[in-house]
Protein backbone atom coordinates (compact mmCIF):
# COMPACT_ATOMS: atom_id res chain seq x y z
CA MET A 1 -87.75 -72.80 43.16
CA LYS A 2 -88.78 -73.81 39.31
CA ASN A 3 -86.24 -75.11 36.75
CA LYS A 4 -85.44 -76.47 33.01
CA LEU A 5 -83.55 -79.50 33.99
CA ARG A 6 -85.74 -82.36 32.47
CA GLU A 7 -86.07 -80.30 29.20
CA MET A 8 -82.00 -79.70 29.40
CA ARG A 9 -81.12 -83.44 29.87
CA ALA A 10 -83.73 -84.62 27.12
CA THR A 11 -82.03 -82.43 24.49
CA LYS A 12 -79.00 -84.21 25.34
CA GLU A 13 -80.98 -87.79 25.34
CA TRP A 14 -79.54 -88.15 28.87
CA SER A 15 -81.58 -90.57 30.87
CA GLN A 16 -82.14 -89.20 34.88
CA SER A 17 -79.27 -92.12 35.93
CA ASP A 18 -76.79 -90.53 33.18
CA LEU A 19 -76.88 -87.65 34.74
CA ALA A 20 -76.63 -88.76 37.99
CA GLU A 21 -73.86 -90.41 37.30
CA LYS A 22 -72.38 -86.74 35.51
CA LEU A 23 -73.19 -85.02 38.74
CA GLU A 24 -72.04 -87.98 41.39
CA VAL A 25 -75.46 -88.30 42.91
CA SER A 26 -78.51 -90.42 43.12
CA ARG A 27 -81.17 -90.99 40.48
CA GLN A 28 -83.48 -90.12 43.02
CA THR A 29 -81.55 -86.53 44.05
CA VAL A 30 -81.98 -85.67 39.83
CA ASN A 31 -85.60 -86.53 40.27
CA ALA A 32 -86.21 -84.69 43.03
CA ILE A 33 -84.75 -81.34 41.64
CA GLU A 34 -86.77 -82.01 38.56
CA THR A 35 -89.86 -82.28 40.38
CA GLY A 36 -88.97 -78.98 42.35
CA ARG A 37 -88.93 -81.33 45.67
CA TYR A 38 -85.33 -80.63 46.23
CA ASP A 39 -83.34 -77.69 45.79
CA PRO A 40 -79.85 -78.27 45.06
CA SER A 41 -77.12 -77.10 47.44
CA LEU A 42 -75.08 -73.85 45.62
CA PRO A 43 -71.86 -76.50 44.69
CA LEU A 44 -74.43 -78.83 43.53
CA ALA A 45 -76.05 -76.18 41.16
CA PHE A 46 -72.67 -75.47 40.09
CA LYS A 47 -71.66 -78.42 38.87
CA LEU A 48 -74.96 -79.04 36.84
CA ALA A 49 -74.27 -76.19 35.08
CA GLY A 50 -70.85 -77.11 34.53
CA VAL A 51 -72.45 -80.06 32.92
CA PHE A 52 -74.43 -78.43 30.67
CA LYS A 53 -72.15 -75.25 30.14
CA VAL A 54 -74.62 -72.87 31.13
CA ALA A 55 -75.07 -69.92 33.92
CA ILE A 56 -77.04 -71.48 36.88
CA GLU A 57 -79.45 -69.01 35.84
CA ASP A 58 -80.20 -70.61 32.95
CA ILE A 59 -81.37 -73.84 35.07
CA PHE A 60 -83.35 -72.22 37.89
CA VAL A 61 -86.14 -69.55 37.76
CA PRO A 62 -87.00 -68.24 40.93
CA ASP A 63 -90.69 -68.72 42.39
CA LYS A 64 -93.18 -66.06 41.73
CA ASP A 65 -94.56 -64.88 44.98
């Protein structure tokens, strides 16, 4: 699943560690989500949406097959 997390984080001028702290996850988890190596759980996706005050669909875009 593709996502816009890196761009959204950059607009807030947050480091991966900053975002990880807000989400209560590791920096490695944020990195894995940003690079597409890890798809977050639904609760974590909702938490991400809440931190950025957007809908989940504004962050995550399904891969086209």
